[in-house]
Amino acid sequence: MIAVAKRNIGGRVALDRDGVAAHTGAARPTVNHWHLHRDRFGFPEGFTHDDGEWFWLDDIEAFHAAHQATKKAELTEVDRSGSPTELVTSGGAAAILRYRSYRNLPDELLDLADDTEELADGRVRRFWYRRTVWDYADGRTGRQSTGRTPGTTTGPRKPHPYADDPRLRAAADLLAEAREAGRGRRGLGVELARRLGIPQRTAQRLLTVAEGGQPT
């Protein structure tokens, strides 16, 4: 575990790069990227103290708030039409997110597919419920998804059938391994399916529940 480096210097709180990563929730390589391109991102200048590099906490908080606001402003408007339980392909998911091409779909969404189909040439076709895509889009902005088309009403979601599945431990361990290695979720469904000898669709659902999600 990385120890958070925080110091009180001259009456102000300062963080080193590991502290910045922990405070913002960003990966250490992301902090390095912000620092390398600080003219582009507006990342604060650091300073040297006791032969270490430090950043003022209040400067980091101001930068991160502005950075998050910019990211949200750049997000595409989501298409909320259609039934939440309708399955869509990658092209449909891209259209919901207003992306120009399915090739722009992020790895995180690819690993949340509700169903998959292996094609004759070995490629995998993915399917998502519209609600899954909406939930992903809402997660980018911190918005609480209703999980339904505007103007409709539904009862509370039932507990997911995998909620008490003992295989969740293997899913959680795999996610932890990926985080420690600085990897995203891409490919983890295939790996978990191989380890447990289960279908990829089941593996994807287990990973989602292990992350605290509630797949359909």
C-alpha atoms as a PDB file:
ATOM      1  CA  MET A   1       0.000   0.000   0.000  1.00  0.00           C
ATOM      2  CA  ILE A   2       1.272   3.480  -0.876  1.00  0.00           C
ATOM      3  CA  ALA A   3       1.743   5.700   2.162  1.00  0.00           C
ATOM      4  CA  VAL A   4       0.085   9.073   1.661  1.00  0.00           C
ATOM      5  CA  ALA A   5       2.760  11.742   2.016  1.00  0.00           C
ATOM      6  CA  LYS A   6       1.289  14.870   3.595  1.00  0.00           C
ATOM      7  CA  ARG A   7       3.133  17.533   5.545  1.00  0.00           C
ATOM      8  CA  ASN A   8       2.445  20.796   7.271  1.00  0.00           C
ATOM      9  CA  ILE A   9       4.993  23.256   5.909  1.00  0.00           C
ATOM     10  CA  GLY A  10       4.926  26.778   7.235  1.00  0.00           C
ATOM     11  CA  GLY A  11       1.313  26.423   8.333  1.00  0.00           C
ATOM     12  CA  ARG A  12       0.085  25.037   4.976  1.00  0.00           C
ATOM     13  CA  VAL A  13      -0.606  21.415   4.057  1.00  0.00           C
ATOM     14  CA  ALA A  14       1.460  19.990   1.218  1.00  0.00           C
ATOM     15  CA  LEU A  15       1.351  16.689  -0.677  1.00  0.00           C
ATOM     16  CA  ASP A  16       3.941  14.794  -2.672  1.00  0.00           C
ATOM     17  CA  ARG A  17       2.927  13.043  -5.913  1.00  0.00           C
ATOM     18  CA  ASP A  18       1.673   9.940  -4.123  1.00  0.00           C
ATOM     19  CA  GLY A  19      -0.353  12.215  -1.874  1.00  0.00           C
ATOM     20  CA  VAL A  20      -1.791  14.026  -4.901  1.00  0.00           C
ATOM     21  CA  ALA A  21      -2.795  10.668  -6.422  1.00  0.00           C
ATOM     22  CA  ALA A  22      -4.483   9.534  -3.211  1.00  0.00           C
ATOM     23  CA  HIS A  23      -6.239  12.859  -2.626  1.00  0.00           C
ATOM     24  CA  THR A  24      -7.628  13.148  -6.171  1.00  0.00           C
ATOM     25  CA  GLY A  25      -8.278   9.437  -6.723  1.00  0.00           C
ATOM     26  CA  ALA A  26      -6.102   9.511  -9.837  1.00  0.00           C
ATOM     27  CA  ALA A  27      -3.480   6.920 -10.725  1.00  0.00           C
ATOM     28  CA  ARG A  28       0.140   7.939 -10.194  1.00  0.00           C
ATOM     29  CA  PRO A  29       0.836   7.884 -13.989  1.00  0.00           C
ATOM     30  CA  THR A  30      -2.077  10.303 -14.418  1.00  0.00           C
ATOM     31  CA  VAL A  31      -0.526  12.695 -11.901  1.00  0.00           C
ATOM     32  CA  ASN A  32       2.766  12.432 -13.771  1.00  0.00           C
ATOM     33  CA  HIS A  33       0.920  13.205 -17.020  1.00  0.00           C
ATOM     34  CA  TRP A  34      -0.770  16.246 -15.486  1.00  0.00           C
ATOM     35  CA  HIS A  35       2.585  17.485 -14.239  1.00  0.00           C
ATOM     36  CA  LEU A  36       4.392  16.880 -17.522  1.00  0.00           C
ATOM     37  CA  HIS A  37       1.703  18.789 -19.427  1.00  0.00           C
ATOM     38  CA  ARG A  38       0.902  21.315 -16.711  1.00  0.00           C
ATOM     39  CA  ASP A  39       0.702  24.181 -19.214  1.00  0.00           C
ATOM     40  CA  ARG A  40      -2.173  22.331 -20.874  1.00  0.00           C
ATOM     41  CA  PHE A  41      -3.951  21.141 -17.736  1.00  0.00           C
ATOM     42  CA  GLY A  42      -3.197  24.009 -15.387  1.00  0.00           C
ATOM     43  CA  PHE A  43      -1.547  21.677 -12.896  1.00  0.00           C
ATOM     44  CA  PRO A  44       0.097  23.595 -10.015  1.00  0.00           C
ATOM     45  CA  GLU A  45       3.823  24.219  -9.864  1.00  0.00           C
ATOM     46  CA  GLY A  46       5.593  22.153  -7.242  1.00  0.00           C
ATOM     47  CA  PHE A  47       8.337  23.198  -4.872  1.00  0.00           C
ATOM     48  CA  THR A  48      11.292  21.531  -3.207  1.00  0.00           C
ATOM     49  CA  HIS A  49      11.412  20.974   0.551  1.00  0.00           C
ATOM     50  CA  ASP A  50      13.882  18.709   2.347  1.00  0.00           C
ATOM     51  CA  ASP A  51      15.020  17.383  -1.061  1.00  0.00           C
ATOM     52  CA  GLY A  52      11.459  16.316  -1.912  1.00  0.00           C
ATOM     53  CA  GLU A  53       8.907  17.626  -4.378  1.00  0.00           C
ATOM     54  CA  TRP A  54       5.698  18.984  -2.881  1.00  0.00           C
ATOM     55  CA  PHE A  55       2.439  20.629  -3.946  1.00  0.00           C
ATOM     56  CA  TRP A  56       0.162  22.793  -1.824  1.00  0.00           C
ATOM     57  CA  LEU A  57      -3.038  20.969  -0.944  1.00  0.00           C
ATOM     58  CA  ASP A  58      -5.305  23.940  -1.621  1.00  0.00           C
ATOM     59  CA  ASP A  59      -3.724  24.408  -5.078  1.00  0.00           C
ATOM     60  CA  ILE A  60      -4.321  20.725  -5.863  1.00  0.00           C
ATOM     61  CA  GLU A  61      -7.950  20.930  -4.737  1.00  0.00           C
ATOM     62  CA  ALA A  62      -8.571  24.013  -6.886  1.00  0.00           C
ATOM     63  CA  PHE A  63      -6.923  22.340  -9.895  1.00  0.00           C
ATOM     64  CA  HIS A  64      -8.879  19.098  -9.468  1.00  0.00           C
ATOM     65  CA  ALA A  65     -12.233  20.861  -9.114  1.00  0.00           C
ATOM     66  CA  ALA A  66     -11.585  22.824 -12.315  1.00  0.00           C
ATOM     67  CA  HIS A  67     -10.329  19.695 -14.098  1.00  0.00           C
ATOM     68  CA  GLN A  68     -13.443  17.698 -13.183  1.00  0.00           C
ATOM     69  CA  ALA A  69     -15.716  20.544 -14.278  1.00  0.00           C
ATOM     70  CA  THR A  70     -13.947  20.694 -17.644  1.00  0.00           C
ATOM     71  CA  LYS A  71     -14.272  16.942 -18.129  1.00  0.00           C
ATOM     72  CA  LYS A  72     -18.013  17.036 -17.429  1.00  0.00           C
ATOM     73  CA  ALA A  73     -18.509  19.941 -19.805  1.00  0.00           C
ATOM     74  CA  GLU A  74     -16.850  17.935 -22.587  1.00  0.00           C
ATOM     75  CA  LEU A  75     -19.094  14.884 -22.182  1.00  0.00           C
ATOM     76  CA  THR A  76     -21.559  14.136 -24.948  1.00  0.00           C
ATOM     77  CA  GLU A  77     -25.319  14.415 -24.412  1.00  0.00           C
ATOM     78  CA  VAL A  78     -26.838  10.978 -23.849  1.00  0.00           C
ATOM     79  CA  ASP A  79     -29.799   9.669 -25.854  1.00  0.00           C
ATOM     80  CA  ARG A  80     -32.398   8.621 -23.252  1.00  0.00           C
ATOM     81  CA  SER A  81     -35.015   7.369 -25.703  1.00  0.00           C
ATOM     82  CA  GLY A  82     -36.119   3.743 -25.986  1.00  0.00           C
ATOM     83  CA  SER A  83     -36.828   0.945 -23.556  1.00  0.00           C
ATOM     84  CA  PRO A  84     -34.261   0.434 -20.774  1.00  0.00           C
ATOM     85  CA  THR A  85     -34.396  -3.340 -21.341  1.00  0.00           C
ATOM     86  CA  GLU A  86     -33.802  -3.187 -25.106  1.00  0.00           C
ATOM     87  CA  LEU A  87     -30.529  -4.806 -26.166  1.00  0.00           C
ATOM     88  CA  VAL A  88     -28.276  -2.781 -28.460  1.00  0.00           C
ATOM     89  CA  THR A  89     -25.046  -3.619 -30.286  1.00  0.00           C
ATOM     90  CA  SER A  90     -21.833  -1.610 -30.147  1.00  0.00           C
ATOM     91  CA  GLY A  91     -23.190   0.659 -32.858  1.00  0.00           C
ATOM     92  CA  GLY A  92     -26.310   1.271 -30.792  1.00  0.00           C
ATOM     93  CA  ALA A  93     -24.296   1.942 -27.656  1.00  0.00           C
ATOM     94  CA  ALA A  94     -22.164   4.446 -29.563  1.00  0.00           C
ATOM     95  CA  ALA A  95     -25.328   6.169 -30.804  1.00  0.00           C
ATOM     96  CA  ILE A  96     -26.700   6.414 -27.243  1.00  0.00           C
ATOM     97  CA  LEU A  97     -23.467   8.078 -26.124  1.00  0.00           C
ATOM     98  CA  ARG A  98     -23.440  10.268 -29.281  1.00  0.00           C
ATOM     99  CA  TYR A  99     -20.079   8.885 -30.370  1.00  0.00           C
ATOM    100  CA  ARG A 100     -19.219   9.010 -34.058  1.00  0.00           C
ATOM    101  CA  SER A 101     -18.115   5.381 -34.151  1.00  0.00           C
ATOM    102  CA  TYR A 102     -18.345   2.222 -32.069  1.00  0.00           C
ATOM    103  CA  ARG A 103     -14.530   2.319 -32.104  1.00  0.00           C
ATOM    104  CA  ASN A 104     -14.774   5.180 -29.606  1.00  0.00           C
ATOM    105  CA  LEU A 105     -16.449   3.011 -26.966  1.00  0.00           C
ATOM    106  CA  PRO A 106     -14.287   2.988 -23.803  1.00  0.00           C
ATOM    107  CA  ASP A 107     -12.798  -0.176 -22.375  1.00  0.00           C
ATOM    108  CA  GLU A 108     -14.886   0.170 -19.212  1.00  0.00           C
ATOM    109  CA  LEU A 109     -18.112  -0.099 -21.206  1.00  0.00           C
ATOM    110  CA  LEU A 110     -16.834  -2.967 -23.349  1.00  0.00           C
ATOM    111  CA  ASP A 111     -16.315  -4.994 -20.174  1.00  0.00           C
ATOM    112  CA  LEU A 112     -19.879  -4.243 -19.005  1.00  0.00           C
ATOM    113  CA  ALA A 113     -21.542  -6.034 -21.921  1.00  0.00           C
ATOM    114  CA  ASP A 114     -24.729  -7.825 -20.828  1.00  0.00           C
ATOM    115  CA  ASP A 115     -24.379 -10.481 -23.504  1.00  0.00           C
ATOM    116  CA  THR A 116     -21.815 -11.615 -26.061  1.00  0.00           C
ATOM    117  CA  GLU A 117     -21.855 -13.650 -29.241  1.00  0.00           C
ATOM    118  CA  GLU A 118     -18.795 -15.266 -30.810  1.00  0.00           C
ATOM    119  CA  LEU A 119     -18.793 -14.801 -34.572  1.00  0.00           C
ATOM    120  CA  ALA A 120     -17.517 -17.296 -37.113  1.00  0.00           C
ATOM    121  CA  ASP A 121     -14.247 -15.384 -37.545  1.00  0.00           C
ATOM    122  CA  GLY A 122     -13.554 -15.463 -33.812  1.00  0.00           C
ATOM    123  CA  ARG A 123     -14.558 -11.887 -33.097  1.00  0.00           C
ATOM    124  CA  VAL A 124     -16.931 -11.144 -30.232  1.00  0.00           C
ATOM    125  CA  ARG A 125     -20.150  -9.185 -30.730  1.00  0.00           C
ATOM    126  CA  ARG A 126     -21.292  -7.409 -27.593  1.00  0.00           C
ATOM    127  CA  PHE A 127     -24.777  -6.428 -26.493  1.00  0.00           C
ATOM    128  CA  TRP A 128     -25.901  -4.019 -23.786  1.00  0.00           C
ATOM    129  CA  TYR A 129     -29.242  -3.142 -22.303  1.00  0.00           C
ATOM    130  CA  ARG A 130     -29.919   0.548 -22.850  1.00  0.00           C
ATOM    131  CA  ARG A 131     -30.055   0.883 -19.069  1.00  0.00           C
ATOM    132  CA  THR A 132     -26.503  -0.428 -18.787  1.00  0.00           C
ATOM    133  CA  VAL A 133     -25.257   2.226 -21.201  1.00  0.00           C
ATOM    134  CA  TRP A 134     -27.224   4.925 -19.348  1.00  0.00           C
ATOM    135  CA  ASP A 135     -25.770   3.768 -16.031  1.00  0.00           C
ATOM    136  CA  TYR A 136     -22.256   3.936 -17.498  1.00  0.00           C
ATOM    137  CA  ALA A 137     -22.888   7.432 -18.853  1.00  0.00           C
ATOM    138  CA  ASP A 138     -24.263   8.581 -15.499  1.00  0.00           C
ATOM    139  CA  GLY A 139     -21.212   7.197 -13.739  1.00  0.00           C
ATOM    140  CA  ARG A 140     -18.990   9.578 -15.721  1.00  0.00           C
ATOM    141  CA  THR A 141     -20.686  12.586 -14.154  1.00  0.00           C
ATOM    142  CA  GLY A 142     -21.706  11.203 -10.760  1.00  0.00           C
ATOM    143  CA  ARG A 143     -25.365  11.470 -11.747  1.00  0.00           C
ATOM    144  CA  GLN A 144     -27.727   9.002 -10.068  1.00  0.00           C
ATOM    145  CA  SER A 145     -29.330   6.934 -12.803  1.00  0.00           C
ATOM    146  CA  THR A 146     -33.040   6.236 -12.593  1.00  0.00           C
ATOM    147  CA  GLY A 147     -32.612   3.133 -14.727  1.00  0.00           C
ATOM    148  CA  ARG A 148     -35.784   3.936 -16.635  1.00  0.00           C
ATOM    149  CA  THR A 149     -37.061   6.029 -19.462  1.00  0.00           C
ATOM    150  CA  PRO A 150     -38.091   9.548 -18.330  1.00  0.00           C
ATOM    151  CA  GLY A 151     -41.780   9.678 -17.456  1.00  0.00           C
ATOM    152  CA  THR A 152     -42.019   6.042 -16.416  1.00  0.00           C
ATOM    153  CA  THR A 153     -42.093   4.533 -12.930  1.00  0.00           C
ATOM    154  CA  THR A 154     -40.713   1.268 -11.654  1.00  0.00           C
ATOM    155  CA  GLY A 155     -40.282  -0.364  -8.301  1.00  0.00           C
ATOM    156  CA  PRO A 156     -36.908  -0.723  -6.584  1.00  0.00           C
ATOM    157  CA  ARG A 157     -34.433  -3.074  -8.146  1.00  0.00           C
ATOM    158  CA  LYS A 158     -34.299  -6.582  -6.752  1.00  0.00           C
ATOM    159  CA  PRO A 159     -31.001  -7.824  -5.331  1.00  0.00           C
ATOM    160  CA  HIS A 160     -28.811  -9.201  -8.066  1.00  0.00           C
ATOM    161  CA  PRO A 161     -28.801 -13.043  -8.176  1.00  0.00           C
ATOM    162  CA  TYR A 162     -25.000 -13.034  -7.903  1.00  0.00           C
ATOM    163  CA  ALA A 163     -24.998 -10.865  -4.766  1.00  0.00           C
ATOM    164  CA  ASP A 164     -24.004 -13.779  -2.483  1.00  0.00           C
ATOM    165  CA  ASP A 165     -22.154 -15.844  -5.091  1.00  0.00           C
ATOM    166  CA  PRO A 166     -18.927 -17.345  -3.650  1.00  0.00           C
ATOM    167  CA  ARG A 167     -17.242 -16.707  -7.016  1.00  0.00           C
ATOM    168  CA  LEU A 168     -17.302 -12.989  -6.194  1.00  0.00           C
ATOM    169  CA  ARG A 169     -14.103 -13.508  -4.188  1.00  0.00           C
ATOM    170  CA  ALA A 170     -12.251 -14.589  -7.346  1.00  0.00           C
ATOM    171  CA  ALA A 171     -13.703 -11.605  -9.210  1.00  0.00           C
ATOM    172  CA  ALA A 172     -12.642  -9.198  -6.455  1.00  0.00           C
ATOM    173  CA  ASP A 173      -9.141 -10.696  -6.342  1.00  0.00           C
ATOM    174  CA  LEU A 174      -8.769 -10.296 -10.116  1.00  0.00           C
ATOM    175  CA  LEU A 175      -9.915  -6.668  -9.946  1.00  0.00           C
ATOM    176  CA  ALA A 176      -7.400  -6.011  -7.161  1.00  0.00           C
ATOM    177  CA  GLU A 177      -4.616  -7.576  -9.243  1.00  0.00           C
ATOM    178  CA  ALA A 178      -5.561  -5.352 -12.179  1.00  0.00           C
ATOM    179  CA  ARG A 179      -5.583  -2.213 -10.038  1.00  0.00           C
ATOM    180  CA  GLU A 180      -2.160  -3.014  -8.584  1.00  0.00           C
ATOM    181  CA  ALA A 181      -0.832  -3.478 -12.124  1.00  0.00           C
ATOM    182  CA  GLY A 182      -2.402  -0.213 -13.283  1.00  0.00           C
ATOM    183  CA  ARG A 183      -4.758  -1.992 -15.696  1.00  0.00           C
ATOM    184  CA  GLY A 184      -8.359  -1.243 -16.541  1.00  0.00           C
ATOM    185  CA  ARG A 185     -11.141  -3.828 -16.850  1.00  0.00           C
ATOM    186  CA  ARG A 186     -10.452  -4.658 -20.475  1.00  0.00           C
ATOM    187  CA  GLY A 187      -9.910  -8.388 -20.836  1.00  0.00           C
ATOM    188  CA  LEU A 188     -10.719  -9.256 -17.237  1.00  0.00           C
ATOM    189  CA  GLY A 189     -13.974 -10.955 -18.194  1.00  0.00           C
ATOM    190  CA  VAL A 190     -12.084 -13.367 -20.443  1.00  0.00           C
ATOM    191  CA  GLU A 191      -9.491 -14.029 -17.725  1.00  0.00           C
ATOM    192  CA  LEU A 192     -12.092 -14.664 -15.008  1.00  0.00           C
ATOM    193  CA  ALA A 193     -14.069 -16.941 -17.328  1.00  0.00           C
ATOM    194  CA  ARG A 194     -10.905 -18.948 -17.946  1.00  0.00           C
ATOM    195  CA  ARG A 195     -10.027 -19.191 -14.253  1.00  0.00           C
ATOM    196  CA  LEU A 196     -13.480 -20.317 -13.159  1.00  0.00           C
ATOM    197  CA  GLY A 197     -14.516 -22.240 -16.275  1.00  0.00           C
ATOM    198  CA  ILE A 198     -17.665 -20.165 -16.734  1.00  0.00           C
ATOM    199  CA  PRO A 199     -19.224 -18.243 -19.655  1.00  0.00           C
ATOM    200  CA  GLN A 200     -17.821 -14.772 -20.321  1.00  0.00           C
ATOM    201  CA  ARG A 201     -21.244 -13.217 -19.757  1.00  0.00           C
ATOM    202  CA  THR A 202     -21.358 -14.654 -16.242  1.00  0.00           C
ATOM    203  CA  ALA A 203     -17.790 -13.513 -15.595  1.00  0.00           C
ATOM    204  CA  GLN A 204     -18.627  -9.946 -16.668  1.00  0.00           C
ATOM    205  CA  ARG A 205     -21.610  -9.853 -14.319  1.00  0.00           C
ATOM    206  CA  LEU A 206     -19.531 -11.158 -11.414  1.00  0.00           C
ATOM    207  CA  LEU A 207     -16.917  -8.449 -12.039  1.00  0.00           C
ATOM    208  CA  THR A 208     -19.582  -5.761 -12.107  1.00  0.00           C
ATOM    209  CA  VAL A 209     -21.133  -6.934  -8.828  1.00  0.00           C
ATOM    210  CA  ALA A 210     -17.677  -7.233  -7.236  1.00  0.00           C
ATOM    211  CA  GLU A 211     -17.109  -3.570  -8.117  1.00  0.00           C
ATOM    212  CA  GLY A 212     -20.330  -2.636  -6.359  1.00  0.00           C
ATOM    213  CA  GLY A 213     -22.467  -2.414  -9.488  1.00  0.00           C
ATOM    214  CA  GLN A 214     -25.940  -3.765 -10.132  1.00  0.00           C
ATOM    215  CA  PRO A 215     -26.105  -5.241 -13.651  1.00  0.00           C
ATOM    216  CA  THR A 216     -29.472  -6.197 -15.129  1.00  0.00           C
END
